[in-house]
N, C-alpha and C. Protein backbone atom coordinates (compact mmCIF):
# COMPACT_ATOMS: atom_id res chain seq x y z
N MET A 1 105.57 87.12 96.57
CA MET A 1 104.95 88.36 96.96
C MET A 1 103.87 88.09 98.00
N LYS A 2 103.92 88.83 99.08
CA LYS A 2 102.98 88.66 100.18
C LYS A 2 101.72 89.50 99.93
N GLU A 3 100.55 88.94 100.28
CA GLU A 3 99.29 89.67 100.21
C GLU A 3 98.64 89.60 101.59
N THR A 4 98.34 90.77 102.15
CA THR A 4 97.81 90.86 103.50
C THR A 4 96.55 91.71 103.49
N GLY A 5 95.54 91.30 104.24
CA GLY A 5 94.33 92.09 104.38
C GLY A 5 94.43 93.01 105.58
N LEU A 6 94.09 94.29 105.40
CA LEU A 6 94.06 95.25 106.50
C LEU A 6 92.68 95.88 106.57
N MET A 7 92.16 96.00 107.79
CA MET A 7 90.84 96.60 107.98
C MET A 7 90.94 98.13 108.03
N PHE A 8 89.98 98.77 107.37
CA PHE A 8 89.87 100.23 107.39
C PHE A 8 88.41 100.60 107.62
N LYS A 9 88.19 101.65 108.41
CA LYS A 9 86.84 102.17 108.63
C LYS A 9 86.41 102.96 107.39
N ALA A 10 85.10 103.16 107.26
CA ALA A 10 84.52 103.78 106.06
C ALA A 10 85.14 105.13 105.70
N PRO A 11 85.36 106.08 106.63
CA PRO A 11 85.95 107.36 106.23
C PRO A 11 87.35 107.20 105.63
N LEU A 12 88.11 106.24 106.14
CA LEU A 12 89.46 106.01 105.62
C LEU A 12 89.41 105.30 104.27
N VAL A 13 88.42 104.43 104.07
CA VAL A 13 88.23 103.81 102.76
C VAL A 13 87.93 104.89 101.72
N ARG A 14 87.05 105.82 102.09
CA ARG A 14 86.73 106.91 101.15
C ARG A 14 87.96 107.77 100.85
N ALA A 15 88.82 107.98 101.86
CA ALA A 15 90.05 108.74 101.65
C ALA A 15 91.01 107.99 100.72
N ILE A 16 91.05 106.66 100.82
CA ILE A 16 91.88 105.88 99.89
C ILE A 16 91.32 106.00 98.48
N LEU A 17 90.00 105.85 98.35
CA LEU A 17 89.36 105.94 97.03
C LEU A 17 89.58 107.29 96.37
N SER A 18 89.62 108.36 97.16
CA SER A 18 89.82 109.70 96.61
C SER A 18 91.28 110.01 96.33
N GLY A 19 92.18 109.14 96.79
CA GLY A 19 93.61 109.37 96.60
C GLY A 19 94.23 110.21 97.69
N GLN A 20 93.45 110.60 98.69
CA GLN A 20 93.94 111.44 99.78
C GLN A 20 94.77 110.65 100.78
N LYS A 21 94.45 109.38 100.99
CA LYS A 21 95.16 108.54 101.97
C LYS A 21 96.15 107.63 101.25
N THR A 22 97.43 107.79 101.56
CA THR A 22 98.49 106.99 100.95
C THR A 22 99.43 106.41 102.00
N GLN A 23 98.98 106.40 103.25
CA GLN A 23 99.82 105.94 104.35
C GLN A 23 98.93 105.42 105.47
N THR A 24 99.43 104.44 106.21
CA THR A 24 98.72 103.95 107.39
C THR A 24 99.72 103.59 108.46
N ARG A 25 99.28 103.67 109.70
CA ARG A 25 100.11 103.32 110.85
C ARG A 25 99.44 102.17 111.59
N ARG A 26 100.26 101.20 112.00
CA ARG A 26 99.79 100.05 112.76
C ARG A 26 100.78 99.79 113.88
N ILE A 27 100.27 99.43 115.05
CA ILE A 27 101.12 99.24 116.23
C ILE A 27 102.07 98.06 116.03
N VAL A 28 103.33 98.26 116.41
CA VAL A 28 104.31 97.18 116.43
C VAL A 28 103.96 96.26 117.59
N LYS A 29 103.83 94.97 117.29
CA LYS A 29 103.51 93.98 118.33
C LYS A 29 104.53 92.86 118.29
N PRO A 30 105.12 92.52 119.42
CA PRO A 30 105.03 93.21 120.70
C PRO A 30 105.87 94.47 120.67
N GLN A 31 105.56 95.41 121.56
CA GLN A 31 106.33 96.64 121.68
C GLN A 31 107.72 96.31 122.23
N PRO A 32 108.75 97.03 121.75
CA PRO A 32 110.09 96.83 122.33
C PRO A 32 110.08 97.17 123.82
N SER A 33 111.02 96.60 124.56
CA SER A 33 111.13 96.86 125.99
C SER A 33 111.39 98.34 126.25
N ALA A 34 111.02 98.78 127.42
CA ALA A 34 111.25 100.18 127.81
C ALA A 34 112.73 100.51 127.69
N GLY A 35 113.02 101.69 127.23
CA GLY A 35 114.40 102.14 127.12
C GLY A 35 115.07 101.76 125.81
N LYS A 36 114.40 100.95 125.00
CA LYS A 36 114.99 100.56 123.71
C LYS A 36 114.65 101.63 122.67
N SER A 37 115.56 101.82 121.73
CA SER A 37 115.32 102.76 120.64
C SER A 37 115.56 102.05 119.32
N PHE A 38 114.97 102.59 118.27
CA PHE A 38 115.12 101.99 116.95
C PHE A 38 116.57 102.13 116.51
N GLN A 39 117.19 101.01 116.12
CA GLN A 39 118.60 101.01 115.72
C GLN A 39 118.79 100.91 114.21
N GLY A 40 117.82 100.36 113.51
CA GLY A 40 117.96 100.22 112.06
C GLY A 40 117.25 98.98 111.56
N TRP A 41 117.60 98.58 110.36
CA TRP A 41 116.94 97.46 109.69
C TRP A 41 117.92 96.33 109.48
N VAL A 42 117.42 95.12 109.46
CA VAL A 42 118.22 93.97 109.05
C VAL A 42 118.27 94.03 107.53
N ILE A 43 119.47 94.07 107.00
CA ILE A 43 119.65 94.21 105.55
C ILE A 43 119.81 92.82 104.93
N SER A 44 119.05 92.58 103.86
CA SER A 44 119.15 91.29 103.18
C SER A 44 120.42 91.25 102.34
N SER A 45 120.93 90.06 102.13
CA SER A 45 122.17 89.92 101.35
C SER A 45 121.94 90.15 99.87
N SER A 46 120.71 89.97 99.41
CA SER A 46 120.43 90.18 97.99
C SER A 46 119.89 91.59 97.77
N GLY A 47 120.64 92.40 97.09
CA GLY A 47 120.19 93.73 96.74
C GLY A 47 120.47 94.80 97.78
N GLY A 48 120.90 94.42 98.97
CA GLY A 48 121.24 95.41 99.99
C GLY A 48 120.06 96.19 100.53
N LYS A 49 118.85 95.66 100.43
CA LYS A 49 117.66 96.35 100.94
C LYS A 49 117.20 95.67 102.22
N HIS A 50 116.48 96.44 103.03
CA HIS A 50 115.99 95.83 104.26
C HIS A 50 114.82 94.90 103.94
N ASP A 51 114.69 93.88 104.76
CA ASP A 51 113.67 92.85 104.50
C ASP A 51 112.42 93.04 105.36
N GLY A 52 112.24 94.25 105.88
CA GLY A 52 111.06 94.52 106.70
C GLY A 52 111.24 94.16 108.16
N LYS A 53 112.47 93.84 108.58
CA LYS A 53 112.71 93.48 109.98
C LYS A 53 113.45 94.62 110.67
N ALA A 54 112.79 95.23 111.65
CA ALA A 54 113.37 96.34 112.40
C ALA A 54 114.11 95.82 113.62
N VAL A 55 115.14 96.58 114.04
CA VAL A 55 115.95 96.20 115.19
C VAL A 55 115.93 97.34 116.21
N TRP A 56 115.64 96.98 117.46
CA TRP A 56 115.71 97.93 118.56
C TRP A 56 116.86 97.53 119.46
N GLY A 57 117.50 98.51 120.09
CA GLY A 57 118.58 98.22 121.01
C GLY A 57 118.66 99.28 122.09
N ALA A 58 119.61 99.11 122.98
CA ALA A 58 119.76 100.04 124.10
C ALA A 58 120.68 101.20 123.75
N GLY A 59 121.18 101.24 122.54
CA GLY A 59 122.07 102.32 122.13
C GLY A 59 123.32 101.77 121.49
N SER A 60 124.20 102.66 121.07
CA SER A 60 125.41 102.23 120.37
C SER A 60 126.32 101.45 121.32
N GLY A 61 127.12 100.58 120.74
CA GLY A 61 128.06 99.79 121.51
C GLY A 61 127.50 98.48 122.05
N HIS A 62 126.22 98.21 121.78
CA HIS A 62 125.63 96.96 122.24
C HIS A 62 125.61 95.96 121.10
N PHE A 63 125.80 94.71 121.45
CA PHE A 63 125.74 93.66 120.44
C PHE A 63 124.31 93.47 119.97
N ILE A 64 124.15 93.08 118.72
CA ILE A 64 122.81 92.89 118.16
C ILE A 64 122.05 91.79 118.90
N SER A 65 122.76 90.87 119.55
CA SER A 65 122.07 89.81 120.30
C SER A 65 121.31 90.38 121.50
N GLU A 66 121.67 91.57 121.93
CA GLU A 66 120.97 92.22 123.02
C GLU A 66 119.81 93.07 122.51
N SER A 67 119.62 93.08 121.22
CA SER A 67 118.57 93.88 120.62
C SER A 67 117.29 93.07 120.48
N GLU A 68 116.26 93.74 120.13
CA GLU A 68 114.99 93.09 119.83
C GLU A 68 114.72 93.31 118.35
N ARG A 69 114.11 92.30 117.74
CA ARG A 69 113.80 92.39 116.32
C ARG A 69 112.31 92.16 116.13
N ALA A 70 111.76 92.80 115.11
CA ALA A 70 110.36 92.57 114.76
C ALA A 70 110.22 92.75 113.25
N ARG A 71 109.62 91.77 112.60
CA ARG A 71 109.36 91.87 111.17
C ARG A 71 108.00 92.51 110.97
N CYS A 72 107.92 93.42 110.03
CA CYS A 72 106.63 94.05 109.72
C CYS A 72 105.68 92.97 109.20
N PRO A 73 104.59 92.69 109.91
CA PRO A 73 103.69 91.62 109.49
C PRO A 73 102.86 91.97 108.25
N TYR A 74 102.91 93.21 107.85
CA TYR A 74 102.09 93.65 106.71
C TYR A 74 102.84 93.58 105.39
N GLY A 75 104.16 93.34 105.46
CA GLY A 75 104.94 93.18 104.24
C GLY A 75 106.04 94.22 104.13
N LYS A 76 106.66 94.21 102.98
CA LYS A 76 107.75 95.13 102.66
C LYS A 76 107.45 95.74 101.29
N PRO A 77 108.24 96.73 100.85
CA PRO A 77 107.97 97.33 99.55
C PRO A 77 107.83 96.28 98.45
N GLY A 78 106.77 96.44 97.66
CA GLY A 78 106.47 95.50 96.59
C GLY A 78 105.37 94.51 96.95
N ASP A 79 105.15 94.31 98.25
CA ASP A 79 104.06 93.42 98.68
C ASP A 79 102.73 94.15 98.55
N ARG A 80 101.64 93.38 98.67
CA ARG A 80 100.30 93.94 98.43
C ARG A 80 99.42 93.86 99.67
N ILE A 81 98.53 94.83 99.77
CA ILE A 81 97.52 94.87 100.82
C ILE A 81 96.17 94.92 100.14
N TYR A 82 95.23 94.10 100.61
CA TYR A 82 93.85 94.28 100.15
C TYR A 82 93.06 94.88 101.29
N VAL A 83 92.22 95.86 100.97
CA VAL A 83 91.47 96.61 101.97
C VAL A 83 90.25 95.81 102.39
N ARG A 84 90.17 95.53 103.68
CA ARG A 84 89.00 94.85 104.26
C ARG A 84 88.09 95.94 104.82
N GLU A 85 86.84 95.95 104.34
CA GLU A 85 85.88 96.97 104.73
C GLU A 85 84.52 96.33 104.94
N THR A 86 83.58 97.07 105.54
CA THR A 86 82.24 96.55 105.77
C THR A 86 81.57 96.35 104.42
N TRP A 87 80.91 95.19 104.25
CA TRP A 87 80.41 94.79 102.94
C TRP A 87 79.19 93.89 103.10
N CYS A 88 78.52 93.63 101.99
CA CYS A 88 77.46 92.62 101.96
C CYS A 88 77.25 92.18 100.52
N ARG A 89 76.63 91.02 100.37
CA ARG A 89 76.32 90.51 99.03
C ARG A 89 75.01 91.11 98.57
N GLN A 90 74.93 91.38 97.29
CA GLN A 90 73.68 91.87 96.72
C GLN A 90 72.68 90.72 96.61
N VAL A 91 71.41 91.07 96.70
CA VAL A 91 70.33 90.09 96.65
C VAL A 91 69.38 90.50 95.52
N ASP A 92 68.92 89.53 94.75
CA ASP A 92 67.99 89.87 93.67
C ASP A 92 66.57 90.01 94.23
N GLU A 93 65.61 90.33 93.34
CA GLU A 93 64.23 90.57 93.78
C GLU A 93 63.56 89.35 94.41
N ASP A 94 64.10 88.16 94.12
CA ASP A 94 63.53 86.94 94.71
C ASP A 94 64.26 86.52 96.00
N GLY A 95 65.21 87.34 96.43
CA GLY A 95 65.92 87.05 97.67
C GLY A 95 67.13 86.15 97.51
N PHE A 96 67.54 85.89 96.27
CA PHE A 96 68.71 85.05 96.04
C PHE A 96 69.98 85.90 96.06
N LEU A 97 71.02 85.36 96.70
CA LEU A 97 72.30 86.05 96.74
C LEU A 97 72.94 86.07 95.37
N LEU A 98 73.50 87.21 95.01
CA LEU A 98 74.20 87.38 93.75
C LEU A 98 75.70 87.37 93.99
N ASP A 99 76.48 87.16 92.93
CA ASP A 99 77.93 87.26 93.04
C ASP A 99 78.35 88.71 92.78
N ALA A 100 77.73 89.61 93.49
CA ALA A 100 78.03 91.04 93.43
C ALA A 100 77.93 91.58 94.85
N TYR A 101 78.62 92.68 95.11
CA TYR A 101 78.75 93.15 96.49
C TYR A 101 78.49 94.65 96.60
N TRP A 102 78.03 95.05 97.78
CA TRP A 102 77.94 96.44 98.15
C TRP A 102 78.99 96.69 99.23
N TYR A 103 79.49 97.92 99.25
CA TYR A 103 80.50 98.32 100.23
C TYR A 103 79.97 99.53 100.98
N ARG A 104 79.92 99.41 102.29
CA ARG A 104 79.26 100.43 103.10
C ARG A 104 79.88 101.82 102.94
N ALA A 105 81.18 101.90 102.72
CA ALA A 105 81.83 103.20 102.56
C ALA A 105 81.27 103.96 101.35
N SER A 106 80.81 103.23 100.33
CA SER A 106 80.29 103.86 99.12
C SER A 106 78.78 103.87 99.06
N THR A 107 78.13 102.92 99.70
CA THR A 107 76.67 102.80 99.64
C THR A 107 76.10 102.55 101.03
N PRO A 108 76.20 103.54 101.93
CA PRO A 108 75.78 103.31 103.31
C PRO A 108 74.28 103.08 103.48
N ASP A 109 73.47 103.56 102.55
CA ASP A 109 72.02 103.45 102.70
C ASP A 109 71.41 102.41 101.78
N VAL A 110 72.20 101.43 101.38
CA VAL A 110 71.70 100.38 100.49
C VAL A 110 70.54 99.65 101.15
N VAL A 111 69.51 99.42 100.36
CA VAL A 111 68.37 98.63 100.81
C VAL A 111 68.26 97.46 99.85
N ASN A 112 68.11 96.25 100.37
CA ASN A 112 68.03 95.12 99.45
C ASN A 112 66.80 94.26 99.70
N SER A 113 65.75 94.86 100.24
CA SER A 113 64.51 94.12 100.38
C SER A 113 63.34 95.08 100.18
N GLU A 114 62.21 94.55 99.77
CA GLU A 114 61.06 95.39 99.46
C GLU A 114 60.47 96.07 100.69
N ASP A 115 60.69 95.49 101.87
CA ASP A 115 60.11 96.10 103.06
C ASP A 115 60.98 97.21 103.64
N GLY A 116 62.08 97.53 102.95
CA GLY A 116 62.90 98.67 103.34
C GLY A 116 63.92 98.40 104.42
N GLU A 117 64.13 97.15 104.79
CA GLU A 117 65.15 96.86 105.79
C GLU A 117 66.53 96.99 105.18
N LYS A 118 67.46 97.41 105.98
CA LYS A 118 68.83 97.53 105.50
C LYS A 118 69.42 96.14 105.20
N SER A 119 70.37 96.14 104.31
CA SER A 119 71.02 94.88 103.96
C SER A 119 71.83 94.36 105.15
N PRO A 120 72.11 93.07 105.16
CA PRO A 120 72.86 92.48 106.28
C PRO A 120 74.36 92.76 106.15
N TRP A 121 74.78 93.91 106.61
CA TRP A 121 76.20 94.28 106.51
C TRP A 121 77.06 93.30 107.29
N ARG A 122 78.20 92.99 106.71
CA ARG A 122 79.16 92.11 107.37
C ARG A 122 80.39 92.93 107.76
N PRO A 123 80.94 92.68 108.94
CA PRO A 123 82.10 93.46 109.36
C PRO A 123 83.34 93.16 108.52
N SER A 124 84.22 94.13 108.48
CA SER A 124 85.42 94.02 107.65
C SER A 124 86.27 92.80 108.00
N ILE A 125 86.28 92.39 109.25
CA ILE A 125 87.11 91.26 109.65
C ILE A 125 86.70 89.97 108.93
N HIS A 126 85.45 89.92 108.46
CA HIS A 126 84.96 88.73 107.77
C HIS A 126 85.02 88.85 106.24
N MET A 127 85.70 89.85 105.74
CA MET A 127 85.78 90.02 104.28
C MET A 127 86.86 89.10 103.70
N PRO A 128 86.46 88.18 102.82
CA PRO A 128 87.47 87.34 102.16
C PRO A 128 88.20 88.14 101.07
N LYS A 129 89.38 87.67 100.75
CA LYS A 129 90.22 88.37 99.78
C LYS A 129 89.53 88.59 98.44
N HIS A 130 88.78 87.61 97.94
CA HIS A 130 88.18 87.73 96.61
C HIS A 130 87.09 88.80 96.55
N VAL A 131 86.58 89.24 97.71
CA VAL A 131 85.55 90.26 97.74
C VAL A 131 86.15 91.67 97.73
N ALA A 132 87.41 91.80 98.12
CA ALA A 132 88.06 93.11 98.22
C ALA A 132 88.07 93.82 96.87
N ARG A 133 87.69 95.09 96.91
CA ARG A 133 87.69 95.89 95.68
C ARG A 133 88.89 96.82 95.60
N ILE A 134 89.55 97.06 96.73
CA ILE A 134 90.67 98.00 96.77
C ILE A 134 91.95 97.23 97.09
N TRP A 135 92.93 97.39 96.21
CA TRP A 135 94.24 96.75 96.40
C TRP A 135 95.31 97.83 96.42
N LEU A 136 96.31 97.63 97.29
CA LEU A 136 97.39 98.60 97.47
C LEU A 136 98.73 97.89 97.34
N GLU A 137 99.71 98.62 96.84
CA GLU A 137 101.08 98.10 96.81
C GLU A 137 101.89 98.90 97.81
N ILE A 138 102.61 98.21 98.68
CA ILE A 138 103.46 98.88 99.67
C ILE A 138 104.65 99.50 98.95
N THR A 139 104.86 100.80 99.18
CA THR A 139 105.99 101.51 98.57
C THR A 139 107.07 101.86 99.59
N GLY A 140 106.76 101.74 100.87
CA GLY A 140 107.74 102.04 101.91
C GLY A 140 107.27 101.54 103.25
N VAL A 141 108.23 101.15 104.09
CA VAL A 141 107.94 100.72 105.46
C VAL A 141 109.01 101.32 106.36
N ARG A 142 108.57 101.90 107.47
CA ARG A 142 109.50 102.39 108.47
C ARG A 142 108.84 102.30 109.84
N VAL A 143 109.60 102.56 110.89
CA VAL A 143 109.04 102.58 112.24
C VAL A 143 109.32 103.93 112.87
N GLU A 144 108.41 104.35 113.72
CA GLU A 144 108.60 105.57 114.48
C GLU A 144 107.62 105.57 115.65
N ARG A 145 107.80 106.48 116.55
CA ARG A 145 106.85 106.67 117.63
C ARG A 145 105.60 107.34 117.06
N LEU A 146 104.44 106.95 117.57
CA LEU A 146 103.18 107.47 117.06
C LEU A 146 103.14 108.99 117.03
N GLN A 147 103.55 109.62 118.11
CA GLN A 147 103.45 111.08 118.21
C GLN A 147 104.50 111.82 117.39
N ASP A 148 105.41 111.09 116.73
CA ASP A 148 106.41 111.72 115.86
C ASP A 148 105.86 112.01 114.46
N ILE A 149 104.58 111.77 114.25
CA ILE A 149 103.99 112.00 112.93
C ILE A 149 104.14 113.48 112.54
N SER A 150 104.53 113.71 111.30
CA SER A 150 104.67 115.08 110.79
C SER A 150 103.35 115.54 110.20
N HIS A 151 103.26 116.83 109.94
CA HIS A 151 102.06 117.38 109.31
C HIS A 151 101.82 116.72 107.94
N ASP A 152 102.90 116.58 107.15
CA ASP A 152 102.76 115.97 105.81
C ASP A 152 102.31 114.52 105.91
N ASP A 153 102.84 113.79 106.91
CA ASP A 153 102.42 112.40 107.08
C ASP A 153 100.96 112.31 107.54
N ALA A 154 100.54 113.24 108.40
CA ALA A 154 99.13 113.25 108.81
C ALA A 154 98.23 113.52 107.61
N MET A 155 98.69 114.34 106.69
CA MET A 155 97.95 114.57 105.45
C MET A 155 97.90 113.28 104.63
N ALA A 156 99.03 112.56 104.56
CA ALA A 156 99.07 111.30 103.82
C ALA A 156 98.18 110.24 104.48
N GLU A 157 97.87 110.42 105.76
CA GLU A 157 96.94 109.53 106.47
C GLU A 157 95.49 109.87 106.14
N GLY A 158 95.28 110.91 105.32
CA GLY A 158 93.94 111.27 104.88
C GLY A 158 93.28 112.36 105.71
N MET A 159 94.06 113.09 106.51
CA MET A 159 93.49 114.11 107.39
C MET A 159 93.35 115.45 106.66
N ALA A 160 92.56 116.36 107.27
CA ALA A 160 92.33 117.69 106.71
C ALA A 160 93.58 118.55 106.87
N TRP A 161 93.69 119.59 106.07
CA TRP A 161 94.91 120.40 106.01
C TRP A 161 95.17 121.19 107.28
N ASP A 162 94.17 121.89 107.82
CA ASP A 162 94.40 122.88 108.87
C ASP A 162 95.07 122.31 110.12
N ASP A 163 94.54 121.28 110.67
CA ASP A 163 95.08 120.72 111.90
C ASP A 163 95.22 119.21 111.75
N ALA A 164 96.00 118.81 110.77
CA ALA A 164 96.08 117.40 110.38
C ALA A 164 96.54 116.49 111.52
N ILE A 165 97.53 116.92 112.31
CA ILE A 165 98.02 116.06 113.39
C ILE A 165 96.94 115.87 114.45
N HIS A 166 96.25 116.93 114.80
CA HIS A 166 95.16 116.81 115.78
C HIS A 166 94.05 115.92 115.24
N ASP A 167 93.71 116.08 113.95
CA ASP A 167 92.69 115.23 113.33
C ASP A 167 93.13 113.76 113.35
N PHE A 168 94.41 113.52 113.10
CA PHE A 168 94.91 112.15 113.13
C PHE A 168 94.81 111.58 114.55
N GLN A 169 95.16 112.38 115.55
CA GLN A 169 95.05 111.93 116.94
C GLN A 169 93.62 111.52 117.25
N LYS A 170 92.64 112.32 116.84
CA LYS A 170 91.23 111.99 117.10
C LYS A 170 90.83 110.70 116.37
N THR A 171 91.30 110.54 115.14
CA THR A 171 91.00 109.32 114.38
C THR A 171 91.62 108.11 115.07
N TRP A 172 92.87 108.24 115.50
CA TRP A 172 93.56 107.15 116.19
C TRP A 172 92.79 106.73 117.44
N GLU A 173 92.36 107.72 118.23
CA GLU A 173 91.64 107.43 119.47
C GLU A 173 90.25 106.86 119.18
N SER A 174 89.63 107.26 118.06
CA SER A 174 88.29 106.75 117.72
C SER A 174 88.31 105.28 117.36
N THR A 175 89.49 104.76 117.01
CA THR A 175 89.60 103.34 116.68
C THR A 175 90.10 102.52 117.87
N GLY A 176 90.13 103.14 119.05
CA GLY A 176 90.54 102.44 120.26
C GLY A 176 92.01 102.57 120.58
N GLY A 177 92.75 103.37 119.80
CA GLY A 177 94.17 103.55 120.05
C GLY A 177 94.43 104.51 121.20
N ASP A 178 95.56 104.32 121.86
CA ASP A 178 95.95 105.16 122.99
C ASP A 178 97.05 106.11 122.55
N TRP A 179 96.68 107.35 122.25
CA TRP A 179 97.63 108.36 121.78
C TRP A 179 98.70 108.62 122.83
N ASP A 180 98.29 108.73 124.09
CA ASP A 180 99.23 109.08 125.16
C ASP A 180 100.29 108.02 125.39
N ALA A 181 100.00 106.76 125.06
CA ALA A 181 100.99 105.69 125.22
C ALA A 181 102.16 105.87 124.27
N ASN A 182 101.96 106.60 123.17
CA ASN A 182 103.00 106.88 122.18
C ASN A 182 103.76 105.61 121.77
N PRO A 183 103.03 104.59 121.28
CA PRO A 183 103.70 103.32 120.93
C PRO A 183 104.56 103.45 119.67
N TRP A 184 105.44 102.47 119.50
CA TRP A 184 106.13 102.32 118.23
C TRP A 184 105.11 101.83 117.21
N VAL A 185 105.15 102.39 116.01
CA VAL A 185 104.21 101.99 114.97
C VAL A 185 104.96 101.71 113.67
N TRP A 186 104.37 100.80 112.88
CA TRP A 186 104.82 100.60 111.50
C TRP A 186 104.17 101.71 110.68
N VAL A 187 104.96 102.41 109.89
CA VAL A 187 104.44 103.42 108.97
C VAL A 187 104.54 102.80 107.59
N ILE A 188 103.38 102.59 106.97
CA ILE A 188 103.33 101.89 105.69
C ILE A 188 102.84 102.86 104.63
N ASP A 189 103.70 103.16 103.67
CA ASP A 189 103.32 103.97 102.51
C ASP A 189 102.81 103.04 101.43
N PHE A 190 101.80 103.49 100.67
CA PHE A 190 101.25 102.63 99.64
C PHE A 190 100.71 103.45 98.48
N LYS A 191 100.50 102.75 97.36
CA LYS A 191 99.81 103.33 96.21
C LYS A 191 98.72 102.35 95.80
N ARG A 192 97.67 102.89 95.24
CA ARG A 192 96.55 102.04 94.81
C ARG A 192 96.91 101.35 93.49
N ILE A 193 96.54 100.08 93.37
CA ILE A 193 96.79 99.32 92.16
C ILE A 193 95.50 98.63 91.73
N GLU A 194 95.50 98.08 90.52
CA GLU A 194 94.37 97.32 90.04
C GLU A 194 94.26 96.01 90.80
N LYS A 195 93.05 95.52 90.95
CA LYS A 195 92.85 94.23 91.61
C LYS A 195 93.50 93.15 90.77
N PRO A 196 94.36 92.32 91.38
CA PRO A 196 95.04 91.28 90.60
C PRO A 196 94.06 90.25 90.03
């Protein structure tokens, strides 16, 4: 079973904690060549299920050797994701580090010193697996163009009801994503599980 860490910003962490977010999109790297379309999945010989490897091609009638393949680096159904988020270690009154942690999504105004300075937050990229408090199990993986997101999927991404697709576009762009490029993305469905 594969375990992969994925970074999430604080609002999305809160959406996962509330049960509102059950899906995430990540750019396929490298992107298939221009003119290629998604053809299907490489099916494993055991159980007849796809193994997380997508195939792009130029259309029907082409040999698979002319296609491009990409394995989802985040896993396949049954694999686990641990949420990497902004965090810091708690400090006792004498300034000693404790084996306990604060998470910015839940405690943004934590103070850990008498002079009122904020705690030394660490970015999500530096979060080790043992510090992660949120664990997810992948329940589905597929690929699609970014702008093909449906209203229901935008809701599963943790967006508000009224204009979920527009809200998702703004969230995507706020993380440095290019909505207009309309890249191929991995669509990963998940459910929250207990920390192993």
